[in-house]
Amino acid sequence: MPLKYRIVLKKDMSKGAAKGAQLYYGQVRSMEKTRFKKLCKLVSGYCTAKPGEVELVIDGLIYVLCMLLESGNVIQMGEFGNFRMVAGSKGSETLKGFDPALFKKARIVFTPGAMLRQLIADTSYDRLDPFADPEEKGGAEDDRPVIE
């Protein structure tokens, strides 16, 4: 199923752009949010586990992921992908001058596996709404009925 997008007019952020220049950009829009309970119910329809069992397993998975990531492990989850913790730091002029306080905020990096990389490669796009071109003469047509 294609991703939905809108076209928006924004400041031109390209190198060497003139001051005040603008360009049209595509902006992908999420159509709805799937709640955790609904996700568990959908997964249970795919297998023999009940929604509560799926929720229990996912909660356990999150607990174990946190524990292993905190220990510095890379977590491999098959075709789903890998999780790992990374953190950059500010520099120190001397080896003895380096302090762990120089580390910036740590973050979790997710690298998609084969199945998700294929999903990304096969992505298509559908325009969510027509965009009236302000450069066209007459602008967009009005499809509302005329009341006399």
C-alpha atoms as a PDB file:
ATOM      1  CA  MET A   1       0.000   0.000   0.000  1.00  0.00           C
ATOM      2  CA  PRO A   2       1.439   3.382  -0.962  1.00  0.00           C
ATOM      3  CA  LEU A   3       2.455   6.027   1.575  1.00  0.00           C
ATOM      4  CA  LYS A   4       0.272   9.147   1.551  1.00  0.00           C
ATOM      5  CA  TYR A   5       1.916  12.533   1.100  1.00  0.00           C
ATOM      6  CA  ARG A   6       1.114  16.217   0.813  1.00  0.00           C
ATOM      7  CA  ILE A   7       3.031  18.931  -0.966  1.00  0.00           C
ATOM      8  CA  VAL A   8       4.156  21.861   1.180  1.00  0.00           C
ATOM      9  CA  LEU A   9       5.957  25.111   0.390  1.00  0.00           C
ATOM     10  CA  LYS A  10       9.005  25.603   2.645  1.00  0.00           C
ATOM     11  CA  LYS A  11      12.189  27.613   2.881  1.00  0.00           C
ATOM     12  CA  ASP A  12      14.882  26.443   0.432  1.00  0.00           C
ATOM     13  CA  MET A  13      17.547  24.895   2.660  1.00  0.00           C
ATOM     14  CA  SER A  14      19.938  23.966  -0.178  1.00  0.00           C
ATOM     15  CA  LYS A  15      23.472  25.324  -0.174  1.00  0.00           C
ATOM     16  CA  GLY A  16      23.730  28.694  -1.886  1.00  0.00           C
ATOM     17  CA  ALA A  17      19.958  29.315  -1.952  1.00  0.00           C
ATOM     18  CA  ALA A  18      18.880  32.924  -2.237  1.00  0.00           C
ATOM     19  CA  LYS A  19      17.511  34.591   0.883  1.00  0.00           C
ATOM     20  CA  GLY A  20      13.757  34.045   1.081  1.00  0.00           C
ATOM     21  CA  ALA A  21      13.776  31.343  -1.627  1.00  0.00           C
ATOM     22  CA  GLN A  22      11.167  28.622  -1.277  1.00  0.00           C
ATOM     23  CA  LEU A  23      10.682  25.156  -2.775  1.00  0.00           C
ATOM     24  CA  TYR A  24       7.852  22.628  -2.840  1.00  0.00           C
ATOM     25  CA  TYR A  25       8.560  19.486  -0.828  1.00  0.00           C
ATOM     26  CA  GLY A  26       6.704  16.197  -0.419  1.00  0.00           C
ATOM     27  CA  GLN A  27       5.788  15.409   3.187  1.00  0.00           C
ATOM     28  CA  VAL A  28       4.704  11.867   4.101  1.00  0.00           C
ATOM     29  CA  ARG A  29       1.679  11.755   6.423  1.00  0.00           C
ATOM     30  CA  SER A  30       0.687   9.034   8.878  1.00  0.00           C
ATOM     31  CA  MET A  31      -2.935   8.073   8.425  1.00  0.00           C
ATOM     32  CA  GLU A  32      -3.641   6.692  11.904  1.00  0.00           C
ATOM     33  CA  LYS A  33      -1.991   5.495  15.087  1.00  0.00           C
ATOM     34  CA  THR A  34      -2.218   1.792  15.962  1.00  0.00           C
ATOM     35  CA  ARG A  35      -2.489   1.331  19.712  1.00  0.00           C
ATOM     36  CA  PHE A  36      -0.553  -1.420  21.502  1.00  0.00           C
ATOM     37  CA  LYS A  37      -3.704  -3.408  22.391  1.00  0.00           C
ATOM     38  CA  LYS A  38      -4.816  -3.400  18.738  1.00  0.00           C
ATOM     39  CA  LEU A  39      -1.338  -4.495  17.637  1.00  0.00           C
ATOM     40  CA  CYS A  40      -1.500  -7.440  20.049  1.00  0.00           C
ATOM     41  CA  LYS A  41      -4.949  -8.357  18.749  1.00  0.00           C
ATOM     42  CA  LEU A  42      -3.733  -8.232  15.133  1.00  0.00           C
ATOM     43  CA  VAL A  43      -0.720 -10.422  15.948  1.00  0.00           C
ATOM     44  CA  SER A  44      -2.954 -12.914  17.769  1.00  0.00           C
ATOM     45  CA  GLY A  45      -5.043 -13.250  14.614  1.00  0.00           C
ATOM     46  CA  TYR A  46      -1.896 -14.277  12.754  1.00  0.00           C
ATOM     47  CA  CYS A  47      -0.924 -17.026  15.211  1.00  0.00           C
ATOM     48  CA  THR A  48      -2.455 -19.228  17.930  1.00  0.00           C
ATOM     49  CA  ALA A  49      -1.584 -16.922  20.855  1.00  0.00           C
ATOM     50  CA  LYS A  50      -4.289 -14.864  22.561  1.00  0.00           C
ATOM     51  CA  PRO A  51      -3.944 -11.035  22.630  1.00  0.00           C
ATOM     52  CA  GLY A  52      -2.992 -11.116  26.349  1.00  0.00           C
ATOM     53  CA  GLU A  53      -0.260 -13.682  25.658  1.00  0.00           C
ATOM     54  CA  VAL A  54       1.139 -11.562  22.819  1.00  0.00           C
ATOM     55  CA  GLU A  55       1.159  -8.519  25.133  1.00  0.00           C
ATOM     56  CA  LEU A  56       2.944 -10.534  27.828  1.00  0.00           C
ATOM     57  CA  VAL A  57       5.644 -11.707  25.387  1.00  0.00           C
ATOM     58  CA  ILE A  58       6.195  -8.197  23.957  1.00  0.00           C
ATOM     59  CA  ASP A  59       6.443  -6.718  27.469  1.00  0.00           C
ATOM     60  CA  GLY A  60       9.021  -9.401  28.333  1.00  0.00           C
ATOM     61  CA  LEU A  61      10.916  -8.703  25.100  1.00  0.00           C
ATOM     62  CA  ILE A  62      11.106  -4.979  25.893  1.00  0.00           C
ATOM     63  CA  TYR A  63      12.371  -5.712  29.413  1.00  0.00           C
ATOM     64  CA  VAL A  64      15.104  -8.050  28.124  1.00  0.00           C
ATOM     65  CA  LEU A  65      16.040  -5.635  25.280  1.00  0.00           C
ATOM     66  CA  CYS A  66      16.574  -2.840  27.805  1.00  0.00           C
ATOM     67  CA  MET A  67      18.659  -5.077  30.038  1.00  0.00           C
ATOM     68  CA  LEU A  68      20.892  -6.264  27.163  1.00  0.00           C
ATOM     69  CA  LEU A  69      21.223  -2.830  25.526  1.00  0.00           C
ATOM     70  CA  GLU A  70      22.245  -1.345  28.869  1.00  0.00           C
ATOM     71  CA  SER A  71      25.036  -3.939  28.971  1.00  0.00           C
ATOM     72  CA  GLY A  72      26.306  -2.803  25.573  1.00  0.00           C
ATOM     73  CA  ASN A  73      25.038  -5.756  23.516  1.00  0.00           C
ATOM     74  CA  VAL A  74      23.853  -5.663  19.913  1.00  0.00           C
ATOM     75  CA  ILE A  75      20.472  -7.379  19.793  1.00  0.00           C
ATOM     76  CA  GLN A  76      19.850  -9.355  16.598  1.00  0.00           C
ATOM     77  CA  MET A  77      16.176 -10.043  15.922  1.00  0.00           C
ATOM     78  CA  GLY A  78      16.288 -12.050  12.698  1.00  0.00           C
ATOM     79  CA  GLU A  79      14.576 -10.475   9.698  1.00  0.00           C
ATOM     80  CA  PHE A  80      13.210  -7.698  11.908  1.00  0.00           C
ATOM     81  CA  GLY A  81      16.653  -6.131  12.408  1.00  0.00           C
ATOM     82  CA  ASN A  82      19.231  -5.151  15.033  1.00  0.00           C
ATOM     83  CA  PHE A  83      19.234  -2.778  18.011  1.00  0.00           C
ATOM     84  CA  ARG A  84      22.328  -1.204  19.569  1.00  0.00           C
ATOM     85  CA  MET A  85      23.230   1.708  21.852  1.00  0.00           C
ATOM     86  CA  VAL A  86      25.568   4.453  20.676  1.00  0.00           C
ATOM     87  CA  ALA A  87      26.851   7.687  22.162  1.00  0.00           C
ATOM     88  CA  GLY A  88      29.316  10.271  20.888  1.00  0.00           C
ATOM     89  CA  SER A  89      31.409  12.484  23.112  1.00  0.00           C
ATOM     90  CA  LYS A  90      33.060  15.864  23.228  1.00  0.00           C
ATOM     91  CA  GLY A  91      36.816  15.812  22.787  1.00  0.00           C
ATOM     92  CA  SER A  92      39.563  16.145  25.360  1.00  0.00           C
ATOM     93  CA  GLU A  93      43.025  17.546  24.678  1.00  0.00           C
ATOM     94  CA  THR A  94      44.683  14.929  26.876  1.00  0.00           C
ATOM     95  CA  LEU A  95      44.029  11.269  27.652  1.00  0.00           C
ATOM     96  CA  LYS A  96      43.953  11.974  31.382  1.00  0.00           C
ATOM     97  CA  GLY A  97      41.569  14.889  30.777  1.00  0.00           C
ATOM     98  CA  PHE A  98      38.872  12.663  29.308  1.00  0.00           C
ATOM     99  CA  ASP A  99      35.910  12.228  31.624  1.00  0.00           C
ATOM    100  CA  PRO A 100      32.737  10.177  31.037  1.00  0.00           C
ATOM    101  CA  ALA A 101      30.786  13.430  31.570  1.00  0.00           C
ATOM    102  CA  LEU A 102      31.989  14.400  28.070  1.00  0.00           C
ATOM    103  CA  PHE A 103      29.605  11.831  26.551  1.00  0.00           C
ATOM    104  CA  LYS A 104      26.559  13.242  24.825  1.00  0.00           C
ATOM    105  CA  LYS A 105      23.101  11.738  25.226  1.00  0.00           C
ATOM    106  CA  ALA A 106      23.064   8.021  24.339  1.00  0.00           C
ATOM    107  CA  ARG A 107      20.565   6.766  21.783  1.00  0.00           C
ATOM    108  CA  ILE A 108      19.284   3.479  20.433  1.00  0.00           C
ATOM    109  CA  VAL A 109      20.011   2.716  16.777  1.00  0.00           C
ATOM    110  CA  PHE A 110      17.745   0.338  14.884  1.00  0.00           C
ATOM    111  CA  THR A 111      19.020  -1.235  11.658  1.00  0.00           C
ATOM    112  CA  PRO A 112      16.222  -2.871   9.647  1.00  0.00           C
ATOM    113  CA  GLY A 113      16.582  -6.495   8.617  1.00  0.00           C
ATOM    114  CA  ALA A 114      16.005  -8.015   5.170  1.00  0.00           C
ATOM    115  CA  MET A 115      12.198  -8.003   5.354  1.00  0.00           C
ATOM    116  CA  LEU A 116      11.970  -4.320   6.338  1.00  0.00           C
ATOM    117  CA  ARG A 117      14.685  -3.273   3.856  1.00  0.00           C
ATOM    118  CA  GLN A 118      12.595  -4.897   1.111  1.00  0.00           C
ATOM    119  CA  LEU A 119       9.534  -2.967   2.327  1.00  0.00           C
ATOM    120  CA  ILE A 120      11.540   0.264   2.053  1.00  0.00           C
ATOM    121  CA  ALA A 121      12.799  -0.642  -1.432  1.00  0.00           C
ATOM    122  CA  ASP A 122       9.250  -1.339  -2.663  1.00  0.00           C
ATOM    123  CA  THR A 123       7.712   1.881  -1.289  1.00  0.00           C
ATOM    124  CA  SER A 124       5.370   3.838  -3.540  1.00  0.00           C
ATOM    125  CA  TYR A 125       3.588   7.152  -2.945  1.00  0.00           C
ATOM    126  CA  ASP A 126       0.047   8.527  -3.425  1.00  0.00           C
ATOM    127  CA  ARG A 127      -0.762  12.214  -3.225  1.00  0.00           C
ATOM    128  CA  LEU A 128      -3.130  12.847  -0.327  1.00  0.00           C
ATOM    129  CA  ASP A 129      -4.714  16.031  -1.618  1.00  0.00           C
ATOM    130  CA  PRO A 130      -4.458  18.061  -4.785  1.00  0.00           C
ATOM    131  CA  PHE A 131      -2.280  21.113  -4.436  1.00  0.00           C
ATOM    132  CA  ALA A 132      -3.462  24.240  -6.223  1.00  0.00           C
ATOM    133  CA  ASP A 133      -0.551  25.677  -8.175  1.00  0.00           C
ATOM    134  CA  PRO A 134      -0.410  29.406  -7.341  1.00  0.00           C
ATOM    135  CA  GLU A 135       1.456  30.040 -10.609  1.00  0.00           C
ATOM    136  CA  GLU A 136      -1.455  28.744 -12.728  1.00  0.00           C
ATOM    137  CA  LYS A 137      -3.805  31.398 -14.089  1.00  0.00           C
ATOM    138  CA  GLY A 138      -7.171  31.333 -12.378  1.00  0.00           C
ATOM    139  CA  GLY A 139      -5.987  29.071  -9.575  1.00  0.00           C
ATOM    140  CA  ALA A 140      -7.812  25.922  -8.554  1.00  0.00           C
ATOM    141  CA  GLU A 141     -11.372  25.351  -9.691  1.00  0.00           C
ATOM    142  CA  ASP A 142     -14.076  25.551  -7.058  1.00  0.00           C
ATOM    143  CA  ASP A 143     -16.246  22.407  -7.013  1.00  0.00           C
ATOM    144  CA  ARG A 144     -18.828  23.867  -4.605  1.00  0.00           C
ATOM    145  CA  PRO A 145     -22.327  24.452  -5.997  1.00  0.00           C
ATOM    146  CA  VAL A 146     -23.273  28.036  -6.849  1.00  0.00           C
ATOM    147  CA  ILE A 147     -26.162  29.383  -4.775  1.00  0.00           C
ATOM    148  CA  GLU A 148     -28.148  32.103  -6.516  1.00  0.00           C
END
